[in-house]
């Protein structure tokens, strides 16, 4: 499943640079599928949704750092554990119960984003 940053976030930004999928953004900042991935132009996600990979998407949170569930793979295929959780000084990153995925789905999403 994807990860989620709670409202206990202190906006330190320690999580953002360690994400291999560039799925973490500062509060209020828009995001793109194409940010540091191989996804450009018209794309179809592994679950069949269509997107413009280059179009800016609205911020998930305006108040604190957030994780884009469509890009989060819990670092599967890159690291043994989620790097954002390891770096967070206030332990505010938790599993996102609204975005449950199997390890196979997370690995497929990693391949989809990075080839």
PDB file of N, CA and C in Angstrom:
ATOM      1  N   UNK A   1       0.831  -1.179   0.000  1.00  0.00           N
ATOM      2  CA  UNK A   1       0.000   0.000   0.000  1.00  0.00           C
ATOM      3  C   UNK A   1       0.871   1.235   0.000  1.00  0.00           C
ATOM      4  N   UNK A   2       0.322   2.315  -0.443  1.00  0.00           N
ATOM      5  CA  UNK A   2       1.056   3.580  -0.429  1.00  0.00           C
ATOM      6  C   UNK A   2       1.222   4.041   1.015  1.00  0.00           C
ATOM      7  N   UNK A   3       2.066   5.029   1.189  1.00  0.00           N
ATOM      8  CA  UNK A   3       2.292   5.611   2.510  1.00  0.00           C
ATOM      9  C   UNK A   3       1.604   6.965   2.579  1.00  0.00           C
ATOM     10  N   UNK A   4       1.452   7.469   3.803  1.00  0.00           N
ATOM     11  CA  UNK A   4       0.703   8.690   4.058  1.00  0.00           C
ATOM     12  C   UNK A   4       1.434   9.506   5.108  1.00  0.00           C
ATOM     13  N   UNK A   5       1.496  10.821   4.924  1.00  0.00           N
ATOM     14  CA  UNK A   5       2.096  11.711   5.915  1.00  0.00           C
ATOM     15  C   UNK A   5       0.969  12.343   6.716  1.00  0.00           C
ATOM     16  N   UNK A   6       1.005  12.166   8.027  1.00  0.00           N
ATOM     17  CA  UNK A   6      -0.058  12.679   8.884  1.00  0.00           C
ATOM     18  C   UNK A   6       0.134  14.167   9.154  1.00  0.00           C
ATOM     19  N   UNK A   7      -0.861  14.758   9.803  1.00  0.00           N
ATOM     20  CA  UNK A   7      -0.793  16.182  10.126  1.00  0.00           C
ATOM     21  C   UNK A   7       0.177  16.486  11.267  1.00  0.00           C
ATOM     22  N   UNK A   8       0.887  15.476  11.738  1.00  0.00           N
ATOM     23  CA  UNK A   8       1.952  15.693  12.727  1.00  0.00           C
ATOM     24  C   UNK A   8       3.255  16.114  12.053  1.00  0.00           C
ATOM     25  N   UNK A   9       3.261  16.182  10.727  1.00  0.00           N
ATOM     26  CA  UNK A   9       4.437  16.579   9.945  1.00  0.00           C
ATOM     27  C   UNK A   9       4.898  17.971  10.375  1.00  0.00           C
ATOM     28  N   UNK A  10       6.203  18.124  10.551  1.00  0.00           N
ATOM     29  CA  UNK A  10       6.770  19.424  10.939  1.00  0.00           C
ATOM     30  C   UNK A  10       7.373  20.153   9.743  1.00  0.00           C
ATOM     31  N   UNK A  11       7.119  19.646   8.547  1.00  0.00           N
ATOM     32  CA  UNK A  11       7.605  20.264   7.301  1.00  0.00           C
ATOM     33  C   UNK A  11       9.114  20.419   7.251  1.00  0.00           C
ATOM     34  N   UNK A  12       9.838  19.433   7.761  1.00  0.00           N
ATOM     35  CA  UNK A  12      11.301  19.503   7.739  1.00  0.00           C
ATOM     36  C   UNK A  12      11.868  19.165   6.362  1.00  0.00           C
ATOM     37  N   UNK A  13      11.134  18.371   5.577  1.00  0.00           N
ATOM     38  CA  UNK A  13      11.576  18.012   4.238  1.00  0.00           C
ATOM     39  C   UNK A  13      12.571  16.869   4.167  1.00  0.00           C
ATOM     40  N   UNK A  14      12.847  16.195   5.273  1.00  0.00           N
ATOM     41  CA  UNK A  14      13.822  15.100   5.267  1.00  0.00           C
ATOM     42  C   UNK A  14      13.396  13.942   4.367  1.00  0.00           C
ATOM     43  N   UNK A  15      12.116  13.759   4.190  1.00  0.00           N
ATOM     44  CA  UNK A  15      11.597  12.640   3.413  1.00  0.00           C
ATOM     45  C   UNK A  15      11.717  12.844   1.906  1.00  0.00           C
ATOM     46  N   UNK A  16      11.574  14.053   1.458  1.00  0.00           N
ATOM     47  CA  UNK A  16      11.480  14.331   0.015  1.00  0.00           C
ATOM     48  C   UNK A  16      12.687  13.853  -0.793  1.00  0.00           C
ATOM     49  N   UNK A  17      13.919  14.180  -0.416  1.00  0.00           N
ATOM     50  CA  UNK A  17      15.047  13.801  -1.275  1.00  0.00           C
ATOM     51  C   UNK A  17      15.382  12.308  -1.288  1.00  0.00           C
ATOM     52  N   UNK A  18      14.861  11.544  -0.325  1.00  0.00           N
ATOM     53  CA  UNK A  18      15.199  10.114  -0.283  1.00  0.00           C
ATOM     54  C   UNK A  18      14.217   9.241  -1.051  1.00  0.00           C
ATOM     55  N   UNK A  19      13.151   9.833  -1.578  1.00  0.00           N
ATOM     56  CA  UNK A  19      12.149   9.056  -2.303  1.00  0.00           C
ATOM     57  C   UNK A  19      12.636   8.728  -3.711  1.00  0.00           C
ATOM     58  N   UNK A  20      12.783   7.447  -4.052  1.00  0.00           N
ATOM     59  CA  UNK A  20      13.269   7.083  -5.386  1.00  0.00           C
ATOM     60  C   UNK A  20      12.250   7.308  -6.504  1.00  0.00           C
ATOM     61  N   UNK A  21      10.988   7.519  -6.143  1.00  0.00           N
ATOM     62  CA  UNK A  21       9.929   7.721  -7.130  1.00  0.00           C
ATOM     63  C   UNK A  21       9.500   9.170  -7.259  1.00  0.00           C
ATOM     64  N   UNK A  22      10.120  10.046  -6.482  1.00  0.00           N
ATOM     65  CA  UNK A  22       9.708  11.449  -6.445  1.00  0.00           C
ATOM     66  C   UNK A  22       8.202  11.538  -6.202  1.00  0.00           C
ATOM     67  N   UNK A  23       7.734  10.796  -5.195  1.00  0.00           N
ATOM     68  CA  UNK A  23       6.307  10.813  -4.869  1.00  0.00           C
ATOM     69  C   UNK A  23       5.992  11.708  -3.679  1.00  0.00           C
ATOM     70  N   UNK A  24       7.002  12.398  -3.144  1.00  0.00           N
ATOM     71  CA  UNK A  24       6.794  13.273  -1.990  1.00  0.00           C
ATOM     72  C   UNK A  24       6.989  14.720  -2.421  1.00  0.00           C
ATOM     73  N   UNK A  25       6.007  15.550  -2.054  1.00  0.00           N
ATOM     74  CA  UNK A  25       6.014  16.956  -2.455  1.00  0.00           C
ATOM     75  C   UNK A  25       5.719  17.850  -1.259  1.00  0.00           C
ATOM     76  N   UNK A  26       6.222  19.064  -1.324  1.00  0.00           N
ATOM     77  CA  UNK A  26       5.956  20.056  -0.292  1.00  0.00           C
ATOM     78  C   UNK A  26       4.494  20.479  -0.349  1.00  0.00           C
ATOM     79  N   UNK A  27       3.906  20.750   0.791  1.00  0.00           N
ATOM     80  CA  UNK A  27       2.521  21.183   0.856  1.00  0.00           C
ATOM     81  C   UNK A  27       2.256  22.350  -0.082  1.00  0.00           C
ATOM     82  N   UNK A  28       1.167  22.263  -0.829  1.00  0.00           N
ATOM     83  CA  UNK A  28       0.785  23.304  -1.760  1.00  0.00           C
ATOM     84  C   UNK A  28       1.382  23.181  -3.143  1.00  0.00           C
ATOM     85  N   UNK A  29       2.411  22.366  -3.286  1.00  0.00           N
ATOM     86  CA  UNK A  29       3.070  22.198  -4.591  1.00  0.00           C
ATOM     87  C   UNK A  29       2.315  21.172  -5.432  1.00  0.00           C
ATOM     88  N   UNK A  30       2.134  21.491  -6.706  1.00  0.00           N
ATOM     89  CA  UNK A  30       1.549  20.531  -7.628  1.00  0.00           C
ATOM     90  C   UNK A  30       2.560  19.448  -7.965  1.00  0.00           C
ATOM     91  N   UNK A  31       2.103  18.371  -8.567  1.00  0.00           N
ATOM     92  CA  UNK A  31       2.977  17.257  -8.919  1.00  0.00           C
ATOM     93  C   UNK A  31       2.653  16.762 -10.324  1.00  0.00           C
ATOM     94  N   UNK A  32       3.613  16.017 -10.889  1.00  0.00           N
ATOM     95  CA  UNK A  32       3.453  15.415 -12.224  1.00  0.00           C
ATOM     96  C   UNK A  32       3.917  13.961 -12.188  1.00  0.00           C
ATOM     97  N   UNK A  33       3.277  13.138 -12.978  1.00  0.00           N
ATOM     98  CA  UNK A  33       3.758  11.757 -13.129  1.00  0.00           C
ATOM     99  C   UNK A  33       5.165  11.762 -13.711  1.00  0.00           C
ATOM    100  N   UNK A  34       5.476  12.720 -14.572  1.00  0.00           N
ATOM    101  CA  UNK A  34       6.771  12.755 -15.254  1.00  0.00           C
ATOM    102  C   UNK A  34       7.923  13.221 -14.368  1.00  0.00           C
ATOM    103  N   UNK A  35       7.643  13.748 -13.178  1.00  0.00           N
ATOM    104  CA  UNK A  35       8.724  14.198 -12.286  1.00  0.00           C
ATOM    105  C   UNK A  35       9.625  13.026 -11.911  1.00  0.00           C
ATOM    106  N   UNK A  36      10.821  13.018 -12.461  1.00  0.00           N
ATOM    107  CA  UNK A  36      11.864  12.015 -12.195  1.00  0.00           C
ATOM    108  C   UNK A  36      11.410  10.580 -12.431  1.00  0.00           C
ATOM    109  N   UNK A  37      10.558  10.398 -13.455  1.00  0.00           N
ATOM    110  CA  UNK A  37      10.166   9.051 -13.880  1.00  0.00           C
ATOM    111  C   UNK A  37      10.289   8.992 -15.396  1.00  0.00           C
ATOM    112  N   UNK A  38       9.977   7.839 -15.967  1.00  0.00           N
ATOM    113  CA  UNK A  38       9.995   7.679 -17.421  1.00  0.00           C
ATOM    114  C   UNK A  38       8.630   7.960 -18.040  1.00  0.00           C
ATOM    115  N   UNK A  39       7.701   8.496 -17.261  1.00  0.00           N
ATOM    116  CA  UNK A  39       6.333   8.720 -17.715  1.00  0.00           C
ATOM    117  C   UNK A  39       6.182  10.096 -18.339  1.00  0.00           C
ATOM    118  N   UNK A  40       5.927  10.124 -19.640  1.00  0.00           N
ATOM    119  CA  UNK A  40       5.743  11.372 -20.369  1.00  0.00           C
ATOM    120  C   UNK A  40       4.582  11.230 -21.331  1.00  0.00           C
ATOM    121  N   UNK A  41       3.906  12.351 -21.614  1.00  0.00           N
ATOM    122  CA  UNK A  41       2.806  12.324 -22.570  1.00  0.00           C
ATOM    123  C   UNK A  41       1.623  11.537 -22.049  1.00  0.00           C
ATOM    124  N   UNK A  42       0.844  10.974 -22.964  1.00  0.00           N
ATOM    125  CA  UNK A  42      -0.321  10.187 -22.572  1.00  0.00           C
ATOM    126  C   UNK A  42       0.129   8.844 -22.029  1.00  0.00           C
ATOM    127  N   UNK A  43      -0.310   8.542 -20.813  1.00  0.00           N
ATOM    128  CA  UNK A  43       0.102   7.293 -20.155  1.00  0.00           C
ATOM    129  C   UNK A  43      -1.123   6.561 -19.624  1.00  0.00           C
ATOM    130  N   UNK A  44      -0.986   5.257 -19.468  1.00  0.00           N
ATOM    131  CA  UNK A  44      -2.006   4.423 -18.840  1.00  0.00           C
ATOM    132  C   UNK A  44      -1.376   3.729 -17.653  1.00  0.00           C
ATOM    133  N   UNK A  45      -2.013   3.855 -16.499  1.00  0.00           N
ATOM    134  CA  UNK A  45      -1.480   3.252 -15.278  1.00  0.00           C
ATOM    135  C   UNK A  45      -1.706   1.750 -15.286  1.00  0.00           C
ATOM    136  N   UNK A  46      -1.010   1.013 -14.411  1.00  0.00           N
ATOM    137  CA  UNK A  46      -1.209  -0.431 -14.339  1.00  0.00           C
ATOM    138  C   UNK A  46      -2.655  -0.826 -14.039  1.00  0.00           C
ATOM    139  N   UNK A  47      -3.419   0.064 -13.381  1.00  0.00           N
ATOM    140  CA  UNK A  47      -4.820  -0.269 -13.099  1.00  0.00           C
ATOM    141  C   UNK A  47      -5.775   0.234 -14.175  1.00  0.00           C
ATOM    142  N   UNK A  48      -5.219   0.744 -15.303  1.00  0.00           N
ATOM    143  CA  UNK A  48      -6.027   1.102 -16.449  1.00  0.00           C
ATOM    144  C   UNK A  48      -6.463   2.555 -16.558  1.00  0.00           C
ATOM    145  N   UNK A  49      -6.068   3.402 -15.612  1.00  0.00           N
ATOM    146  CA  UNK A  49      -6.427   4.820 -15.687  1.00  0.00           C
ATOM    147  C   UNK A  49      -5.514   5.538 -16.672  1.00  0.00           C
ATOM    148  N   UNK A  50      -6.066   6.523 -17.375  1.00  0.00           N
ATOM    149  CA  UNK A  50      -5.290   7.303 -18.345  1.00  0.00           C
ATOM    150  C   UNK A  50      -4.985   8.681 -17.785  1.00  0.00           C
ATOM    151  N   UNK A  51      -3.770   9.169 -18.071  1.00  0.00           N
ATOM    152  CA  UNK A  51      -3.315  10.466 -17.575  1.00  0.00           C
ATOM    153  C   UNK A  51      -2.444  11.142 -18.619  1.00  0.00           C
ATOM    154  N   UNK A  52      -2.280  12.443 -18.474  1.00  0.00           N
ATOM    155  CA  UNK A  52      -1.242  13.187 -19.179  1.00  0.00           C
ATOM    156  C   UNK A  52      -0.084  13.261 -18.199  1.00  0.00           C
ATOM    157  N   UNK A  53       0.961  12.531 -18.465  1.00  0.00           N
ATOM    158  CA  UNK A  53       2.094  12.450 -17.551  1.00  0.00           C
ATOM    159  C   UNK A  53       2.786  13.771 -17.299  1.00  0.00           C
ATOM    160  N   UNK A  54       2.641  14.714 -18.204  1.00  0.00           N
ATOM    161  CA  UNK A  54       3.307  16.010 -18.071  1.00  0.00           C
ATOM    162  C   UNK A  54       2.426  17.083 -17.444  1.00  0.00           C
ATOM    163  N   UNK A  55       1.151  16.806 -17.258  1.00  0.00           N
ATOM    164  CA  UNK A  55       0.224  17.800 -16.709  1.00  0.00           C
ATOM    165  C   UNK A  55       0.387  17.912 -15.202  1.00  0.00           C
ATOM    166  N   UNK A  56       0.384  19.154 -14.712  1.00  0.00           N
ATOM    167  CA  UNK A  56       0.474  19.348 -13.271  1.00  0.00           C
ATOM    168  C   UNK A  56      -0.830  18.929 -12.611  1.00  0.00           C
ATOM    169  N   UNK A  57      -0.697  18.143 -11.567  1.00  0.00           N
ATOM    170  CA  UNK A  57      -1.834  17.680 -10.778  1.00  0.00           C
ATOM    171  C   UNK A  57      -1.920  18.533  -9.507  1.00  0.00           C
ATOM    172  N   UNK A  58      -3.101  18.691  -8.939  1.00  0.00           N
ATOM    173  CA  UNK A  58      -3.229  19.518  -7.736  1.00  0.00           C
ATOM    174  C   UNK A  58      -2.567  18.882  -6.517  1.00  0.00           C
ATOM    175  N   UNK A  59      -2.126  19.742  -5.617  1.00  0.00           N
ATOM    176  CA  UNK A  59      -1.499  19.273  -4.372  1.00  0.00           C
ATOM    177  C   UNK A  59      -2.479  18.414  -3.583  1.00  0.00           C
ATOM    178  N   UNK A  60      -1.977  17.377  -2.967  1.00  0.00           N
ATOM    179  CA  UNK A  60      -2.788  16.513  -2.115  1.00  0.00           C
ATOM    180  C   UNK A  60      -3.012  17.201  -0.761  1.00  0.00           C
ATOM    181  N   UNK A  61      -2.047  18.006  -0.334  1.00  0.00           N
ATOM    182  CA  UNK A  61      -2.150  18.761   0.923  1.00  0.00           C
ATOM    183  C   UNK A  61      -1.595  20.159   0.699  1.00  0.00           C
ATOM    184  N   UNK A  62      -2.218  21.125   1.287  1.00  0.00           N
ATOM    185  CA  UNK A  62      -1.700  22.490   1.216  1.00  0.00           C
ATOM    186  C   UNK A  62      -0.902  22.873   2.450  1.00  0.00           C
ATOM    187  N   UNK A  63      -1.005  22.069   3.506  1.00  0.00           N
ATOM    188  CA  UNK A  63      -0.426  22.444   4.790  1.00  0.00           C
ATOM    189  C   UNK A  63       0.901  21.773   5.128  1.00  0.00           C
ATOM    190  N   UNK A  64       1.123  20.559   4.639  1.00  0.00           N
ATOM    191  CA  UNK A  64       2.350  19.847   4.970  1.00  0.00           C
ATOM    192  C   UNK A  64       2.741  18.926   3.816  1.00  0.00           C
ATOM    193  N   UNK A  65       3.951  18.371   3.894  1.00  0.00           N
ATOM    194  CA  UNK A  65       4.426  17.458   2.859  1.00  0.00           C
ATOM    195  C   UNK A  65       3.411  16.342   2.667  1.00  0.00           C
ATOM    196  N   UNK A  66       3.343  15.819   1.440  1.00  0.00           N
ATOM    197  CA  UNK A  66       2.403  14.747   1.146  1.00  0.00           C
ATOM    198  C   UNK A  66       3.037  13.748   0.191  1.00  0.00           C
ATOM    199  N   UNK A  67       2.445  12.560   0.163  1.00  0.00           N
ATOM    200  CA  UNK A  67       2.884  11.478  -0.715  1.00  0.00           C
ATOM    201  C   UNK A  67       1.786  11.227  -1.750  1.00  0.00           C
ATOM    202  N   UNK A  68       2.171  11.198  -3.017  1.00  0.00           N
ATOM    203  CA  UNK A  68       1.224  10.896  -4.094  1.00  0.00           C
ATOM    204  C   UNK A  68       1.054   9.375  -4.140  1.00  0.00           C
ATOM    205  N   UNK A  69      -0.129   8.856  -3.794  1.00  0.00           N
ATOM    206  CA  UNK A  69      -0.306   7.404  -3.758  1.00  0.00           C
ATOM    207  C   UNK A  69      -0.051   6.719  -5.090  1.00  0.00           C
ATOM    208  N   UNK A  70      -0.374   7.403  -6.196  1.00  0.00           N
ATOM    209  CA  UNK A  70      -0.175   6.809  -7.522  1.00  0.00           C
ATOM    210  C   UNK A  70       1.299   6.615  -7.861  1.00  0.00           C
ATOM    211  N   UNK A  71       2.201   7.272  -7.138  1.00  0.00           N
ATOM    212  CA  UNK A  71       3.631   7.141  -7.411  1.00  0.00           C
ATOM    213  C   UNK A  71       4.392   6.391  -6.317  1.00  0.00           C
ATOM    214  N   UNK A  72       3.784   6.203  -5.147  1.00  0.00           N
ATOM    215  CA  UNK A  72       4.468   5.552  -4.021  1.00  0.00           C
ATOM    216  C   UNK A  72       4.503   4.041  -4.201  1.00  0.00           C
ATOM    217  N   UNK A  73       5.692   3.467  -4.052  1.00  0.00           N
ATOM    218  CA  UNK A  73       5.855   2.011  -4.110  1.00  0.00           C
ATOM    219  C   UNK A  73       6.425   1.450  -2.808  1.00  0.00           C
ATOM    220  N   UNK A  74       6.432   2.269  -1.739  1.00  0.00           N
ATOM    221  CA  UNK A  74       7.056   1.881  -0.475  1.00  0.00           C
ATOM    222  C   UNK A  74       8.523   1.499  -0.688  1.00  0.00           C
ATOM    223  N   UNK A  75       9.130   2.036  -1.725  1.00  0.00           N
ATOM    224  CA  UNK A  75      10.533   1.793  -2.093  1.00  0.00           C
ATOM    225  C   UNK A  75      10.790   0.365  -2.566  1.00  0.00           C
ATOM    226  N   UNK A  76       9.711  -0.403  -2.851  1.00  0.00           N
ATOM    227  CA  UNK A  76       9.887  -1.767  -3.372  1.00  0.00           C
ATOM    228  C   UNK A  76      10.667  -1.708  -4.681  1.00  0.00           C
ATOM    229  N   UNK A  77      11.648  -2.585  -4.798  1.00  0.00           N
ATOM    230  CA  UNK A  77      12.484  -2.619  -5.989  1.00  0.00           C
ATOM    231  C   UNK A  77      13.694  -1.699  -5.893  1.00  0.00           C
ATOM    232  N   UNK A  78      13.737  -0.865  -4.865  1.00  0.00           N
ATOM    233  CA  UNK A  78      14.859   0.043  -4.642  1.00  0.00           C
ATOM    234  C   UNK A  78      15.583  -0.238  -3.324  1.00  0.00           C
ATOM    235  N   UNK A  79      14.811  -0.368  -2.243  1.00  0.00           N
ATOM    236  CA  UNK A  79      15.367  -0.511  -0.897  1.00  0.00           C
ATOM    237  C   UNK A  79      14.587  -1.556  -0.112  1.00  0.00           C
ATOM    238  N   UNK A  80      15.180  -2.016   0.994  1.00  0.00           N
ATOM    239  CA  UNK A  80      14.530  -3.015   1.838  1.00  0.00           C
ATOM    240  C   UNK A  80      13.401  -2.432   2.681  1.00  0.00           C
ATOM    241  N   UNK A  81      13.422  -1.106   2.896  1.00  0.00           N
ATOM    242  CA  UNK A  81      12.395  -0.457   3.691  1.00  0.00           C
ATOM    243  C   UNK A  81      12.109   0.925   3.115  1.00  0.00           C
ATOM    244  N   UNK A  82      10.938   1.475   3.389  1.00  0.00           N
ATOM    245  CA  UNK A  82      10.634   2.820   2.911  1.00  0.00           C
ATOM    246  C   UNK A  82      11.615   3.841   3.484  1.00  0.00           C
ATOM    247  N   UNK A  83      12.282   4.550   2.606  1.00  0.00           N
ATOM    248  CA  UNK A  83      13.305   5.500   3.037  1.00  0.00           C
ATOM    249  C   UNK A  83      12.720   6.713   3.747  1.00  0.00           C
ATOM    250  N   UNK A  84      11.521   7.134   3.365  1.00  0.00           N
ATOM    251  CA  UNK A  84      10.908   8.290   4.022  1.00  0.00           C
ATOM    252  C   UNK A  84      10.637   8.009   5.494  1.00  0.00           C
ATOM    253  N   UNK A  85      10.178   6.788   5.806  1.00  0.00           N
ATOM    254  CA  UNK A  85       9.919   6.420   7.199  1.00  0.00           C
ATOM    255  C   UNK A  85      11.225   6.432   7.982  1.00  0.00           C
ATOM    256  N   UNK A  86      12.286   5.902   7.388  1.00  0.00           N
ATOM    257  CA  UNK A  86      13.585   5.856   8.065  1.00  0.00           C
ATOM    258  C   UNK A  86      14.127   7.251   8.348  1.00  0.00           C
ATOM    259  N   UNK A  87      13.832   8.219   7.484  1.00  0.00           N
ATOM    260  CA  UNK A  87      14.368   9.576   7.635  1.00  0.00           C
ATOM    261  C   UNK A  87      13.491  10.514   8.465  1.00  0.00           C
ATOM    262  N   UNK A  88      12.238  10.187   8.649  1.00  0.00           N
ATOM    263  CA  UNK A  88      11.309  11.092   9.334  1.00  0.00           C
ATOM    264  C   UNK A  88      11.644  11.211  10.820  1.00  0.00           C
ATOM    265  N   UNK A  89      11.955  12.428  11.291  1.00  0.00           N
ATOM    266  CA  UNK A  89      12.331  12.601  12.698  1.00  0.00           C
ATOM    267  C   UNK A  89      11.145  12.572  13.661  1.00  0.00           C
ATOM    268  N   UNK A  90       9.909  12.665  13.158  1.00  0.00           N
ATOM    269  CA  UNK A  90       8.746  12.682  14.055  1.00  0.00           C
ATOM    270  C   UNK A  90       7.807  11.493  13.835  1.00  0.00           C
ATOM    271  N   UNK A  91       8.226  10.527  13.035  1.00  0.00           N
ATOM    272  CA  UNK A  91       7.442   9.309  12.795  1.00  0.00           C
ATOM    273  C   UNK A  91       6.002   9.599  12.370  1.00  0.00           C
ATOM    274  N   UNK A  92       5.845  10.493  11.394  1.00  0.00           N
ATOM    275  CA  UNK A  92       4.498  10.851  10.944  1.00  0.00           C
ATOM    276  C   UNK A  92       4.125  10.204   9.616  1.00  0.00           C
ATOM    277  N   UNK A  93       4.909   9.235   9.143  1.00  0.00           N
ATOM    278  CA  UNK A  93       4.601   8.558   7.879  1.00  0.00           C
ATOM    279  C   UNK A  93       4.120   7.151   8.197  1.00  0.00           C
ATOM    280  N   UNK A  94       2.900   6.867   7.756  1.00  0.00           N
ATOM    281  CA  UNK A  94       2.247   5.608   8.093  1.00  0.00           C
ATOM    282  C   UNK A  94       1.651   4.975   6.828  1.00  0.00           C
ATOM    283  N   UNK A  95       1.278   3.687   6.902  1.00  0.00           N
ATOM    284  CA  UNK A  95       0.595   3.067   5.758  1.00  0.00           C
ATOM    285  C   UNK A  95      -0.731   3.771   5.479  1.00  0.00           C
ATOM    286  N   UNK A  96      -1.052   3.939   4.215  1.00  0.00           N
ATOM    287  CA  UNK A  96      -2.280   4.594   3.788  1.00  0.00           C
ATOM    288  C   UNK A  96      -3.346   3.526   3.587  1.00  0.00           C
ATOM    289  N   UNK A  97      -4.240   3.401   4.535  1.00  0.00           N
ATOM    290  CA  UNK A  97      -5.283   2.373   4.488  1.00  0.00           C
ATOM    291  C   UNK A  97      -6.229   2.555   3.305  1.00  0.00           C
ATOM    292  N   UNK A  98      -6.257   3.743   2.715  1.00  0.00           N
ATOM    293  CA  UNK A  98      -7.128   3.994   1.567  1.00  0.00           C
ATOM    294  C   UNK A  98      -6.507   3.574   0.243  1.00  0.00           C
ATOM    295  N   UNK A  99      -5.232   3.163   0.259  1.00  0.00           N
ATOM    296  CA  UNK A  99      -4.536   2.765  -0.971  1.00  0.00           C
ATOM    297  C   UNK A  99      -3.761   1.474  -0.728  1.00  0.00           C
ATOM    298  N   UNK A 100      -4.492   0.387  -0.561  1.00  0.00           N
ATOM    299  CA  UNK A 100      -3.877  -0.914  -0.304  1.00  0.00           C
ATOM    300  C   UNK A 100      -3.426  -1.547  -1.606  1.00  0.00           C
ATOM    301  N   UNK A 101      -2.168  -2.031  -1.616  1.00  0.00           N
ATOM    302  CA  UNK A 101      -1.607  -2.705  -2.783  1.00  0.00           C
ATOM    303  C   UNK A 101      -0.734  -3.855  -2.306  1.00  0.00           C
ATOM    304  N   UNK A 102      -0.668  -4.897  -3.108  1.00  0.00           N
ATOM    305  CA  UNK A 102       0.211  -6.025  -2.796  1.00  0.00           C
ATOM    306  C   UNK A 102       1.644  -5.674  -3.193  1.00  0.00           C
ATOM    307  N   UNK A 103       2.581  -6.467  -2.746  1.00  0.00           N
ATOM    308  CA  UNK A 103       3.973  -6.265  -3.135  1.00  0.00           C
ATOM    309  C   UNK A 103       4.124  -6.377  -4.647  1.00  0.00           C
ATOM    310  N   UNK A 104       3.402  -7.303  -5.267  1.00  0.00           N
ATOM    311  CA  UNK A 104       3.461  -7.462  -6.716  1.00  0.00           C
ATOM    312  C   UNK A 104       2.947  -6.212  -7.429  1.00  0.00           C
ATOM    313  N   UNK A 105       1.879  -5.618  -6.922  1.00  0.00           N
ATOM    314  CA  UNK A 105       1.336  -4.392  -7.518  1.00  0.00           C
ATOM    315  C   UNK A 105       2.317  -3.227  -7.370  1.00  0.00           C
ATOM    316  N   UNK A 106       2.963  -3.137  -6.203  1.00  0.00           N
ATOM    317  CA  UNK A 106       3.949  -2.074  -5.977  1.00  0.00           C
ATOM    318  C   UNK A 106       5.148  -2.233  -6.911  1.00  0.00           C
ATOM    319  N   UNK A 107       5.605  -3.468  -7.103  1.00  0.00           N
ATOM    320  CA  UNK A 107       6.726  -3.713  -8.012  1.00  0.00           C
ATOM    321  C   UNK A 107       6.339  -3.416  -9.460  1.00  0.00           C
ATOM    322  N   UNK A 108       5.095  -3.755  -9.839  1.00  0.00           N
ATOM    323  CA  UNK A 108       4.625  -3.444 -11.192  1.00  0.00           C
ATOM    324  C   UNK A 108       4.563  -1.938 -11.394  1.00  0.00           C
ATOM    325  N   UNK A 109       4.162  -1.201 -10.368  1.00  0.00           N
ATOM    326  CA  UNK A 109       4.110   0.258 -10.460  1.00  0.00           C
ATOM    327  C   UNK A 109       5.521   0.828 -10.603  1.00  0.00           C
ATOM    328  N   UNK A 110       6.482   0.250  -9.919  1.00  0.00           N
ATOM    329  CA  UNK A 110       7.887   0.690 -10.044  1.00  0.00           C
ATOM    330  C   UNK A 110       8.371   0.506 -11.467  1.00  0.00           C
ATOM    331  N   UNK A 111       8.092  -0.654 -12.073  1.00  0.00           N
ATOM    332  CA  UNK A 111       8.485  -0.930 -13.456  1.00  0.00           C
ATOM    333  C   UNK A 111       7.772   0.028 -14.404  1.00  0.00           C
ATOM    334  N   UNK A 112       6.487   0.287 -14.154  1.00  0.00           N
ATOM    335  CA  UNK A 112       5.709   1.215 -14.976  1.00  0.00           C
ATOM    336  C   UNK A 112       6.343   2.604 -14.975  1.00  0.00           C
ATOM    337  N   UNK A 113       6.785   3.063 -13.827  1.00  0.00           N
ATOM    338  CA  UNK A 113       7.345   4.420 -13.738  1.00  0.00           C
ATOM    339  C   UNK A 113       8.778   4.545 -14.245  1.00  0.00           C
ATOM    340  N   UNK A 114       9.548   3.460 -14.091  1.00  0.00           N
ATOM    341  CA  UNK A 114      10.982   3.574 -14.381  1.00  0.00           C
ATOM    342  C   UNK A 114      11.471   2.640 -15.479  1.00  0.00           C
ATOM    343  N   UNK A 115      10.615   1.809 -15.967  1.00  0.00           N
ATOM    344  CA  UNK A 115      11.013   0.911 -17.049  1.00  0.00           C
ATOM    345  C   UNK A 115      11.738  -0.323 -16.590  1.00  0.00           C
TER     346      UNK A 115
END
